[in-house]
Amino acid sequence: MDSKINTENEKPHLFDLSVETHVARTPEIVYTVVSDLPRSHQWSEECTGGEWIEGEPGALGAVFRGHNNRPADVVAWAPVVRGSWTTTAEIVTSEPPHRFAWAMRTLSGRAQDSVWGFTLHTADGATRLVHHFRMGAPTEGIRKITAGMDEDERKRFFHEWGTKVENDMTATLERLKKVMESD
């Protein structure tokens, strides 16, 4: 696991997280699963499903609307979205069977510097699957969450949020591995 959470805002990325696992399937099979975002309810901590709303599913430039749910106890002191909400994301990398990534969009539809994705490497007839998340500039949502916070609260929030995201990513890979190896 290689992760970086920038609480000092001195580095080029606010978040730069990655976790990995070994999956006993070929990269082609793994890519087919991870790029099928409507199935993400089978492995995601927050995404409960969704649908493609523009473009060819999984192709560069396609847009996915995700349905999400977050429990009340997640970073409970901070004003984050709780319960159900939707997001849209644009596919920014589609390179079967090696890389797949999507950028979260603003409410007006612009891709943000908040990119989630997977990188796949052949490993002894199987796949080393890396799940990554990078946020450069704070997103529309992060700016709203932290708007009323002082510097100490922002540092606390970024630390706790980064830990939450990294734990979610680890759980996602564990579920993905189980889904793919049981098919």
N, C-alpha and C. Protein backbone atom coordinates (compact mmCIF):
# COMPACT_ATOMS: atom_id res chain seq x y z
N MET A 1 0.84 -1.16 0.00
CA MET A 1 0.00 0.00 0.00
C MET A 1 0.89 1.23 0.00
N ASP A 2 0.65 2.16 -0.91
CA ASP A 2 1.42 3.38 -1.00
C ASP A 2 0.43 4.53 -0.98
N SER A 3 0.52 5.37 0.03
CA SER A 3 -0.44 6.46 0.09
C SER A 3 0.20 7.72 0.61
N LYS A 4 -0.37 8.81 0.19
CA LYS A 4 0.10 10.11 0.61
C LYS A 4 -1.14 10.97 0.84
N ILE A 5 -1.23 11.56 2.02
CA ILE A 5 -2.30 12.49 2.32
C ILE A 5 -1.63 13.80 2.67
N ASN A 6 -1.92 14.84 1.94
CA ASN A 6 -1.27 16.12 2.14
C ASN A 6 -2.13 17.00 3.02
N THR A 7 -1.82 17.07 4.31
CA THR A 7 -2.59 17.92 5.21
C THR A 7 -1.99 19.32 5.32
N GLU A 8 -0.81 19.52 4.78
CA GLU A 8 -0.16 20.83 4.86
C GLU A 8 -0.42 21.68 3.61
N ASN A 9 -1.00 21.08 2.58
CA ASN A 9 -1.25 21.74 1.30
C ASN A 9 0.03 22.30 0.69
N GLU A 10 1.17 21.64 0.95
CA GLU A 10 2.45 22.06 0.37
C GLU A 10 2.83 21.21 -0.83
N LYS A 11 2.27 20.05 -0.96
CA LYS A 11 2.59 19.13 -2.05
C LYS A 11 1.61 19.35 -3.21
N PRO A 12 1.93 18.83 -4.38
CA PRO A 12 1.08 19.08 -5.54
C PRO A 12 -0.29 18.40 -5.48
N HIS A 13 -0.46 17.37 -4.65
CA HIS A 13 -1.73 16.66 -4.58
C HIS A 13 -2.28 16.68 -3.16
N LEU A 14 -3.57 16.93 -3.05
CA LEU A 14 -4.23 16.88 -1.75
C LEU A 14 -4.28 15.43 -1.26
N PHE A 15 -4.63 14.52 -2.18
CA PHE A 15 -4.63 13.09 -1.89
C PHE A 15 -3.93 12.37 -3.03
N ASP A 16 -3.14 11.37 -2.70
CA ASP A 16 -2.51 10.51 -3.69
C ASP A 16 -2.42 9.13 -3.04
N LEU A 17 -3.46 8.33 -3.24
CA LEU A 17 -3.59 7.06 -2.54
C LEU A 17 -3.61 5.90 -3.52
N SER A 18 -3.05 4.78 -3.10
CA SER A 18 -3.18 3.57 -3.91
C SER A 18 -3.09 2.35 -3.00
N VAL A 19 -3.84 1.34 -3.37
CA VAL A 19 -3.81 0.05 -2.69
C VAL A 19 -3.79 -1.01 -3.78
N GLU A 20 -3.27 -2.19 -3.46
CA GLU A 20 -3.20 -3.22 -4.49
C GLU A 20 -3.45 -4.60 -3.92
N THR A 21 -3.82 -5.50 -4.85
CA THR A 21 -4.02 -6.90 -4.51
C THR A 21 -3.67 -7.73 -5.73
N HIS A 22 -3.56 -9.02 -5.52
CA HIS A 22 -3.29 -10.00 -6.57
C HIS A 22 -4.60 -10.74 -6.84
N VAL A 23 -5.02 -10.81 -8.10
CA VAL A 23 -6.27 -11.47 -8.47
C VAL A 23 -5.95 -12.64 -9.40
N ALA A 24 -6.47 -13.79 -9.08
CA ALA A 24 -6.20 -15.00 -9.86
C ALA A 24 -7.09 -15.04 -11.11
N ARG A 25 -7.00 -14.01 -11.91
CA ARG A 25 -7.69 -13.91 -13.20
C ARG A 25 -6.78 -13.11 -14.13
N THR A 26 -7.01 -13.24 -15.43
CA THR A 26 -6.20 -12.50 -16.41
C THR A 26 -6.55 -11.01 -16.37
N PRO A 27 -5.64 -10.15 -16.80
CA PRO A 27 -5.95 -8.73 -16.87
C PRO A 27 -7.19 -8.43 -17.74
N GLU A 28 -7.39 -9.22 -18.78
CA GLU A 28 -8.56 -8.99 -19.63
C GLU A 28 -9.86 -9.19 -18.86
N ILE A 29 -9.92 -10.24 -18.06
CA ILE A 29 -11.12 -10.50 -17.25
C ILE A 29 -11.27 -9.43 -16.18
N VAL A 30 -10.19 -9.10 -15.50
CA VAL A 30 -10.23 -8.09 -14.43
C VAL A 30 -10.67 -6.75 -15.01
N TYR A 31 -10.13 -6.37 -16.15
CA TYR A 31 -10.49 -5.09 -16.77
C TYR A 31 -11.98 -5.05 -17.10
N THR A 32 -12.50 -6.13 -17.63
CA THR A 32 -13.93 -6.19 -17.97
C THR A 32 -14.79 -5.92 -16.74
N VAL A 33 -14.38 -6.44 -15.60
CA VAL A 33 -15.15 -6.24 -14.37
C VAL A 33 -15.00 -4.81 -13.86
N VAL A 34 -13.77 -4.31 -13.67
CA VAL A 34 -13.59 -3.00 -13.06
C VAL A 34 -14.10 -1.86 -13.92
N SER A 35 -14.19 -2.06 -15.23
CA SER A 35 -14.71 -1.01 -16.11
C SER A 35 -16.23 -1.06 -16.26
N ASP A 36 -16.87 -2.02 -15.64
CA ASP A 36 -18.33 -2.14 -15.66
C ASP A 36 -18.89 -1.42 -14.44
N LEU A 37 -18.86 -0.08 -14.46
CA LEU A 37 -19.23 0.71 -13.30
C LEU A 37 -20.64 0.45 -12.76
N PRO A 38 -21.64 0.10 -13.58
CA PRO A 38 -22.95 -0.21 -12.99
C PRO A 38 -22.89 -1.39 -12.00
N ARG A 39 -21.88 -2.23 -12.11
CA ARG A 39 -21.72 -3.35 -11.16
C ARG A 39 -21.00 -2.95 -9.88
N SER A 40 -20.55 -1.72 -9.77
CA SER A 40 -19.71 -1.34 -8.63
C SER A 40 -20.41 -1.49 -7.29
N HIS A 41 -21.72 -1.61 -7.28
CA HIS A 41 -22.43 -1.87 -6.02
C HIS A 41 -22.00 -3.19 -5.40
N GLN A 42 -21.39 -4.07 -6.20
CA GLN A 42 -20.94 -5.36 -5.69
C GLN A 42 -19.66 -5.25 -4.87
N TRP A 43 -18.93 -4.14 -5.01
CA TRP A 43 -17.66 -4.02 -4.30
C TRP A 43 -17.42 -2.67 -3.62
N SER A 44 -18.13 -1.65 -3.97
CA SER A 44 -17.86 -0.32 -3.44
C SER A 44 -18.43 -0.11 -2.04
N GLU A 45 -17.74 0.69 -1.24
CA GLU A 45 -18.22 1.06 0.09
C GLU A 45 -19.39 2.03 0.01
N GLU A 46 -19.42 2.88 -1.02
CA GLU A 46 -20.47 3.90 -1.10
C GLU A 46 -21.33 3.83 -2.34
N CYS A 47 -20.79 3.41 -3.47
CA CYS A 47 -21.59 3.37 -4.70
C CYS A 47 -22.56 2.20 -4.66
N THR A 48 -23.82 2.52 -4.83
CA THR A 48 -24.87 1.49 -4.78
C THR A 48 -25.35 1.11 -6.17
N GLY A 49 -24.65 1.60 -7.19
CA GLY A 49 -24.99 1.29 -8.57
C GLY A 49 -25.01 2.55 -9.40
N GLY A 50 -25.61 2.46 -10.56
CA GLY A 50 -25.69 3.62 -11.44
C GLY A 50 -25.88 3.19 -12.88
N GLU A 51 -25.74 4.17 -13.77
CA GLU A 51 -25.96 3.90 -15.18
C GLU A 51 -25.11 4.84 -16.03
N TRP A 52 -24.82 4.35 -17.24
CA TRP A 52 -24.12 5.18 -18.22
C TRP A 52 -25.14 6.15 -18.78
N ILE A 53 -24.78 7.45 -18.85
CA ILE A 53 -25.74 8.44 -19.35
C ILE A 53 -25.28 9.12 -20.63
N GLU A 54 -24.00 8.95 -20.99
CA GLU A 54 -23.48 9.50 -22.25
C GLU A 54 -22.37 8.60 -22.76
N GLY A 55 -22.30 8.48 -24.07
CA GLY A 55 -21.20 7.76 -24.70
C GLY A 55 -21.31 6.26 -24.61
N GLU A 56 -20.31 5.60 -25.19
CA GLU A 56 -20.25 4.14 -25.16
C GLU A 56 -19.76 3.70 -23.78
N PRO A 57 -20.49 2.80 -23.13
CA PRO A 57 -20.10 2.38 -21.78
C PRO A 57 -18.63 1.99 -21.67
N GLY A 58 -17.94 2.63 -20.72
CA GLY A 58 -16.54 2.31 -20.45
C GLY A 58 -15.53 2.95 -21.38
N ALA A 59 -16.01 3.65 -22.42
CA ALA A 59 -15.10 4.25 -23.39
C ALA A 59 -14.66 5.65 -22.93
N LEU A 60 -13.52 6.09 -23.43
CA LEU A 60 -13.01 7.41 -23.14
C LEU A 60 -14.10 8.45 -23.42
N GLY A 61 -14.35 9.33 -22.45
CA GLY A 61 -15.36 10.37 -22.60
C GLY A 61 -16.76 9.99 -22.17
N ALA A 62 -17.03 8.70 -21.96
CA ALA A 62 -18.36 8.28 -21.51
C ALA A 62 -18.61 8.86 -20.11
N VAL A 63 -19.89 9.04 -19.79
CA VAL A 63 -20.26 9.61 -18.50
C VAL A 63 -21.14 8.62 -17.74
N PHE A 64 -20.82 8.45 -16.48
CA PHE A 64 -21.52 7.53 -15.59
C PHE A 64 -22.17 8.31 -14.46
N ARG A 65 -23.44 8.03 -14.20
CA ARG A 65 -24.12 8.60 -13.03
C ARG A 65 -24.11 7.53 -11.94
N GLY A 66 -23.48 7.83 -10.83
CA GLY A 66 -23.40 6.89 -9.73
C GLY A 66 -24.39 7.24 -8.64
N HIS A 67 -24.99 6.22 -8.07
CA HIS A 67 -25.88 6.37 -6.92
C HIS A 67 -25.09 5.92 -5.70
N ASN A 68 -25.10 6.74 -4.67
CA ASN A 68 -24.22 6.52 -3.53
C ASN A 68 -24.99 6.62 -2.22
N ASN A 69 -24.39 6.04 -1.18
CA ASN A 69 -24.97 6.15 0.15
C ASN A 69 -23.83 6.14 1.16
N ARG A 70 -23.91 7.08 2.12
CA ARG A 70 -22.88 7.17 3.15
C ARG A 70 -23.56 7.20 4.52
N PRO A 71 -23.09 6.36 5.45
CA PRO A 71 -23.67 6.35 6.80
C PRO A 71 -23.33 7.63 7.58
N ALA A 72 -24.10 7.89 8.61
CA ALA A 72 -23.97 9.11 9.41
C ALA A 72 -22.68 9.16 10.22
N ASP A 73 -22.07 8.03 10.51
CA ASP A 73 -20.90 8.03 11.39
C ASP A 73 -19.57 8.28 10.68
N VAL A 74 -19.58 8.50 9.38
CA VAL A 74 -18.35 8.73 8.63
C VAL A 74 -17.88 10.17 8.86
N VAL A 75 -16.70 10.32 9.47
CA VAL A 75 -16.16 11.64 9.83
C VAL A 75 -17.34 12.48 10.35
N ALA A 76 -17.96 11.97 11.39
CA ALA A 76 -19.25 12.47 11.89
C ALA A 76 -19.28 13.95 12.23
N TRP A 77 -18.16 14.52 12.62
CA TRP A 77 -18.12 15.92 13.02
C TRP A 77 -18.11 16.88 11.83
N ALA A 78 -17.78 16.38 10.64
CA ALA A 78 -17.63 17.25 9.46
C ALA A 78 -18.93 17.28 8.64
N PRO A 79 -19.17 18.38 7.94
CA PRO A 79 -20.41 18.51 7.15
C PRO A 79 -20.32 17.82 5.78
N VAL A 80 -20.10 16.51 5.78
CA VAL A 80 -20.05 15.76 4.52
C VAL A 80 -21.45 15.29 4.16
N VAL A 81 -21.64 14.95 2.89
CA VAL A 81 -22.93 14.42 2.44
C VAL A 81 -23.18 13.08 3.13
N ARG A 82 -24.37 12.90 3.63
CA ARG A 82 -24.77 11.66 4.28
C ARG A 82 -26.06 11.16 3.63
N GLY A 83 -26.32 9.87 3.78
CA GLY A 83 -27.49 9.31 3.14
C GLY A 83 -27.24 9.11 1.66
N SER A 84 -28.27 9.26 0.84
CA SER A 84 -28.17 9.00 -0.61
C SER A 84 -27.90 10.27 -1.40
N TRP A 85 -27.08 10.13 -2.45
CA TRP A 85 -26.81 11.22 -3.37
C TRP A 85 -26.28 10.63 -4.67
N THR A 86 -26.24 11.45 -5.70
CA THR A 86 -25.70 11.00 -6.99
C THR A 86 -24.49 11.84 -7.37
N THR A 87 -23.64 11.24 -8.21
CA THR A 87 -22.49 11.92 -8.77
C THR A 87 -22.43 11.61 -10.25
N THR A 88 -21.69 12.40 -10.99
CA THR A 88 -21.38 12.03 -12.37
C THR A 88 -19.87 12.02 -12.51
N ALA A 89 -19.41 11.11 -13.35
CA ALA A 89 -17.98 10.95 -13.58
C ALA A 89 -17.75 10.70 -15.07
N GLU A 90 -16.65 11.23 -15.56
CA GLU A 90 -16.27 11.09 -16.97
C GLU A 90 -15.07 10.15 -17.07
N ILE A 91 -15.14 9.21 -17.98
CA ILE A 91 -14.02 8.30 -18.20
C ILE A 91 -12.88 9.09 -18.84
N VAL A 92 -11.74 9.10 -18.17
CA VAL A 92 -10.58 9.86 -18.65
C VAL A 92 -9.44 8.96 -19.11
N THR A 93 -9.51 7.67 -18.78
CA THR A 93 -8.53 6.69 -19.26
C THR A 93 -9.27 5.39 -19.52
N SER A 94 -9.13 4.88 -20.73
CA SER A 94 -9.73 3.60 -21.10
C SER A 94 -8.74 2.89 -22.02
N GLU A 95 -7.88 2.07 -21.39
CA GLU A 95 -6.83 1.37 -22.12
C GLU A 95 -6.87 -0.11 -21.76
N PRO A 96 -7.84 -0.85 -22.34
CA PRO A 96 -7.95 -2.27 -22.01
C PRO A 96 -6.68 -3.03 -22.41
N PRO A 97 -6.22 -3.96 -21.66
CA PRO A 97 -6.62 -4.34 -20.31
C PRO A 97 -5.67 -3.78 -19.23
N HIS A 98 -5.20 -2.55 -19.42
CA HIS A 98 -4.15 -2.02 -18.55
C HIS A 98 -4.57 -0.91 -17.58
N ARG A 99 -5.38 0.05 -18.07
CA ARG A 99 -5.72 1.19 -17.22
C ARG A 99 -7.14 1.64 -17.48
N PHE A 100 -7.83 2.00 -16.38
CA PHE A 100 -9.19 2.52 -16.47
C PHE A 100 -9.36 3.55 -15.36
N ALA A 101 -9.81 4.77 -15.72
CA ALA A 101 -9.95 5.82 -14.70
C ALA A 101 -11.07 6.78 -15.06
N TRP A 102 -11.61 7.40 -14.02
CA TRP A 102 -12.68 8.37 -14.20
C TRP A 102 -12.46 9.57 -13.30
N ALA A 103 -12.86 10.75 -13.81
CA ALA A 103 -12.76 12.00 -13.05
C ALA A 103 -14.15 12.41 -12.61
N MET A 104 -14.25 12.80 -11.35
CA MET A 104 -15.52 13.29 -10.84
C MET A 104 -15.82 14.63 -11.50
N ARG A 105 -17.10 14.85 -11.80
CA ARG A 105 -17.51 16.10 -12.44
C ARG A 105 -18.12 17.08 -11.44
N THR A 106 -18.04 18.36 -11.78
CA THR A 106 -18.72 19.39 -11.00
C THR A 106 -20.21 19.30 -11.28
N LEU A 107 -21.00 20.06 -10.55
CA LEU A 107 -22.45 20.10 -10.80
C LEU A 107 -22.74 20.63 -12.20
N SER A 108 -21.85 21.47 -12.75
CA SER A 108 -22.05 21.99 -14.10
C SER A 108 -21.50 21.06 -15.19
N GLY A 109 -20.89 19.92 -14.80
CA GLY A 109 -20.45 18.93 -15.77
C GLY A 109 -18.98 18.99 -16.15
N ARG A 110 -18.18 19.79 -15.48
CA ARG A 110 -16.75 19.89 -15.79
C ARG A 110 -15.98 18.84 -15.00
N ALA A 111 -15.05 18.15 -15.67
CA ALA A 111 -14.21 17.16 -14.98
C ALA A 111 -13.32 17.88 -13.97
N GLN A 112 -13.24 17.30 -12.75
CA GLN A 112 -12.44 17.89 -11.68
C GLN A 112 -11.11 17.14 -11.56
N ASP A 113 -10.22 17.70 -10.77
CA ASP A 113 -8.92 17.09 -10.52
C ASP A 113 -9.07 16.08 -9.37
N SER A 114 -10.01 15.16 -9.57
CA SER A 114 -10.33 14.10 -8.60
C SER A 114 -10.53 12.84 -9.42
N VAL A 115 -9.49 12.01 -9.49
CA VAL A 115 -9.48 10.89 -10.42
C VAL A 115 -9.34 9.57 -9.66
N TRP A 116 -10.27 8.67 -9.93
CA TRP A 116 -10.27 7.31 -9.38
C TRP A 116 -9.93 6.36 -10.51
N GLY A 117 -9.27 5.25 -10.22
CA GLY A 117 -9.01 4.32 -11.29
C GLY A 117 -8.33 3.05 -10.86
N PHE A 118 -8.04 2.24 -11.88
CA PHE A 118 -7.38 0.96 -11.70
C PHE A 118 -6.27 0.82 -12.73
N THR A 119 -5.16 0.25 -12.28
CA THR A 119 -4.07 -0.13 -13.17
C THR A 119 -3.87 -1.62 -12.99
N LEU A 120 -3.70 -2.33 -14.10
CA LEU A 120 -3.60 -3.79 -14.08
C LEU A 120 -2.26 -4.21 -14.68
N HIS A 121 -1.60 -5.14 -14.00
CA HIS A 121 -0.31 -5.66 -14.45
C HIS A 121 -0.37 -7.18 -14.46
N THR A 122 0.15 -7.79 -15.53
CA THR A 122 0.25 -9.24 -15.56
C THR A 122 1.24 -9.69 -14.50
N ALA A 123 0.84 -10.70 -13.73
CA ALA A 123 1.68 -11.19 -12.65
C ALA A 123 1.53 -12.70 -12.54
N ASP A 124 2.48 -13.45 -13.09
CA ASP A 124 2.47 -14.91 -13.00
C ASP A 124 1.15 -15.53 -13.46
N GLY A 125 0.67 -15.11 -14.61
CA GLY A 125 -0.57 -15.66 -15.16
C GLY A 125 -1.83 -15.11 -14.52
N ALA A 126 -1.68 -14.16 -13.64
CA ALA A 126 -2.81 -13.53 -12.97
C ALA A 126 -2.67 -12.01 -13.12
N THR A 127 -3.26 -11.25 -12.19
CA THR A 127 -3.23 -9.80 -12.30
C THR A 127 -2.89 -9.15 -10.97
N ARG A 128 -1.96 -8.21 -11.03
CA ARG A 128 -1.75 -7.32 -9.88
C ARG A 128 -2.62 -6.11 -10.16
N LEU A 129 -3.63 -5.92 -9.31
CA LEU A 129 -4.62 -4.86 -9.48
C LEU A 129 -4.33 -3.73 -8.50
N VAL A 130 -4.12 -2.54 -9.03
CA VAL A 130 -3.85 -1.36 -8.21
C VAL A 130 -5.05 -0.41 -8.34
N HIS A 131 -5.63 -0.05 -7.20
CA HIS A 131 -6.73 0.91 -7.15
C HIS A 131 -6.12 2.23 -6.67
N HIS A 132 -6.37 3.31 -7.41
CA HIS A 132 -5.74 4.57 -7.04
C HIS A 132 -6.75 5.71 -7.03
N PHE A 133 -6.42 6.71 -6.24
CA PHE A 133 -7.22 7.93 -6.14
C PHE A 133 -6.25 9.09 -5.99
N ARG A 134 -6.46 10.10 -6.81
CA ARG A 134 -5.64 11.30 -6.74
C ARG A 134 -6.55 12.51 -6.81
N MET A 135 -6.35 13.43 -5.88
CA MET A 135 -7.05 14.71 -5.92
C MET A 135 -5.99 15.79 -5.83
N GLY A 136 -5.92 16.60 -6.87
CA GLY A 136 -4.99 17.72 -6.86
C GLY A 136 -5.65 18.88 -6.13
N ALA A 137 -6.25 19.76 -6.88
CA ALA A 137 -6.98 20.88 -6.28
C ALA A 137 -8.24 20.35 -5.60
N PRO A 138 -8.64 20.99 -4.49
CA PRO A 138 -9.87 20.56 -3.83
C PRO A 138 -11.06 20.62 -4.79
N THR A 139 -11.91 19.62 -4.71
CA THR A 139 -13.10 19.58 -5.55
C THR A 139 -14.14 20.58 -5.04
N GLU A 140 -15.17 20.74 -5.83
CA GLU A 140 -16.32 21.56 -5.46
C GLU A 140 -16.86 21.12 -4.09
N GLY A 141 -17.01 19.83 -3.89
CA GLY A 141 -17.53 19.30 -2.64
C GLY A 141 -16.59 19.53 -1.47
N ILE A 142 -15.30 19.30 -1.66
CA ILE A 142 -14.31 19.50 -0.59
C ILE A 142 -14.26 20.97 -0.19
N ARG A 143 -14.32 21.86 -1.17
CA ARG A 143 -14.31 23.30 -0.84
C ARG A 143 -15.53 23.66 0.01
N LYS A 144 -16.68 23.08 -0.32
CA LYS A 144 -17.90 23.35 0.45
C LYS A 144 -17.78 22.80 1.88
N ILE A 145 -17.26 21.58 2.01
CA ILE A 145 -17.10 20.95 3.33
C ILE A 145 -16.17 21.76 4.21
N THR A 146 -15.07 22.24 3.66
CA THR A 146 -14.04 22.89 4.48
C THR A 146 -14.18 24.41 4.57
N ALA A 147 -15.17 24.98 3.91
CA ALA A 147 -15.32 26.44 3.84
C ALA A 147 -15.34 27.11 5.21
N GLY A 148 -16.02 26.54 6.17
CA GLY A 148 -16.13 27.16 7.49
C GLY A 148 -15.11 26.68 8.50
N MET A 149 -14.16 25.88 8.07
CA MET A 149 -13.17 25.30 8.99
C MET A 149 -11.95 26.19 9.15
N ASP A 150 -11.39 26.20 10.36
CA ASP A 150 -10.10 26.87 10.54
C ASP A 150 -9.01 25.90 10.10
N GLU A 151 -7.76 26.33 10.15
CA GLU A 151 -6.65 25.52 9.64
C GLU A 151 -6.52 24.18 10.36
N ASP A 152 -6.65 24.16 11.68
CA ASP A 152 -6.55 22.91 12.43
C ASP A 152 -7.68 21.94 12.07
N GLU A 153 -8.88 22.46 11.88
CA GLU A 153 -10.02 21.61 11.49
C GLU A 153 -9.80 21.05 10.09
N ARG A 154 -9.29 21.87 9.17
CA ARG A 154 -9.01 21.39 7.81
C ARG A 154 -7.98 20.26 7.84
N LYS A 155 -6.90 20.45 8.61
CA LYS A 155 -5.89 19.40 8.72
C LYS A 155 -6.50 18.12 9.28
N ARG A 156 -7.31 18.26 10.32
CA ARG A 156 -7.98 17.09 10.90
C ARG A 156 -8.89 16.42 9.88
N PHE A 157 -9.66 17.24 9.16
CA PHE A 157 -10.58 16.68 8.17
C PHE A 157 -9.80 15.92 7.09
N PHE A 158 -8.77 16.53 6.50
CA PHE A 158 -8.02 15.88 5.43
C PHE A 158 -7.38 14.59 5.92
N HIS A 159 -6.88 14.58 7.13
CA HIS A 159 -6.30 13.35 7.69
C HIS A 159 -7.37 12.28 7.84
N GLU A 160 -8.49 12.61 8.48
CA GLU A 160 -9.55 11.62 8.70
C GLU A 160 -10.19 11.17 7.40
N TRP A 161 -10.39 12.11 6.47
CA TRP A 161 -11.00 11.75 5.19
C TRP A 161 -10.06 10.85 4.39
N GLY A 162 -8.79 11.15 4.39
CA GLY A 162 -7.82 10.32 3.69
C GLY A 162 -7.78 8.90 4.24
N THR A 163 -7.84 8.78 5.56
CA THR A 163 -7.87 7.45 6.19
C THR A 163 -9.14 6.71 5.79
N LYS A 164 -10.26 7.41 5.79
CA LYS A 164 -11.55 6.80 5.39
C LYS A 164 -11.47 6.30 3.94
N VAL A 165 -10.98 7.15 3.05
CA VAL A 165 -10.89 6.78 1.63
C VAL A 165 -9.96 5.58 1.44
N GLU A 166 -8.81 5.59 2.09
CA GLU A 166 -7.88 4.48 1.96
C GLU A 166 -8.49 3.17 2.49
N ASN A 167 -9.19 3.24 3.60
CA ASN A 167 -9.87 2.04 4.13
C ASN A 167 -10.95 1.56 3.16
N ASP A 168 -11.70 2.49 2.57
CA ASP A 168 -12.72 2.13 1.59
C ASP A 168 -12.09 1.45 0.37
N MET A 169 -10.96 1.98 -0.09
CA MET A 169 -10.29 1.42 -1.25
C MET A 169 -9.80 0.00 -0.96
N THR A 170 -9.28 -0.22 0.23
CA THR A 170 -8.82 -1.55 0.62
C THR A 170 -9.99 -2.53 0.64
N ALA A 171 -11.12 -2.11 1.23
CA ALA A 171 -12.32 -2.96 1.26
C ALA A 171 -12.84 -3.23 -0.15
N THR A 172 -12.77 -2.22 -1.01
CA THR A 172 -13.20 -2.39 -2.41
C THR A 172 -12.37 -3.48 -3.09
N LEU A 173 -11.05 -3.42 -2.93
CA LEU A 173 -10.21 -4.44 -3.57
C LEU A 173 -10.47 -5.83 -3.02
N GLU A 174 -10.70 -5.93 -1.72
CA GLU A 174 -11.02 -7.24 -1.13
C GLU A 174 -12.30 -7.81 -1.74
N ARG A 175 -13.31 -6.96 -1.91
CA ARG A 175 -14.57 -7.42 -2.50
C ARG A 175 -14.41 -7.75 -3.99
N LEU A 176 -13.66 -6.88 -4.70
CA LEU A 176 -13.42 -7.15 -6.12
C LEU A 176 -12.73 -8.50 -6.31
N LYS A 177 -11.73 -8.74 -5.54
CA LYS A 177 -10.99 -10.01 -5.62
C LYS A 177 -11.95 -11.19 -5.39
N LYS A 178 -12.78 -11.08 -4.38
CA LYS A 178 -13.73 -12.15 -4.07
C LYS A 178 -14.73 -12.34 -5.22
N VAL A 179 -15.27 -11.25 -5.74
CA VAL A 179 -16.22 -11.32 -6.86
C VAL A 179 -15.58 -11.99 -8.07
N MET A 180 -14.37 -11.55 -8.42
CA MET A 180 -13.73 -12.07 -9.63
C MET A 180 -13.26 -13.50 -9.48
N GLU A 181 -12.75 -13.84 -8.32
CA GLU A 181 -12.23 -15.20 -8.15
C GLU A 181 -13.34 -16.23 -7.89
N SER A 182 -14.54 -15.76 -7.57
CA SER A 182 -15.64 -16.71 -7.35
C SER A 182 -16.48 -16.90 -8.61
N ASP A 183 -16.32 -16.02 -9.62
CA ASP A 183 -17.06 -16.16 -10.89
C ASP A 183 -16.55 -17.34 -11.69
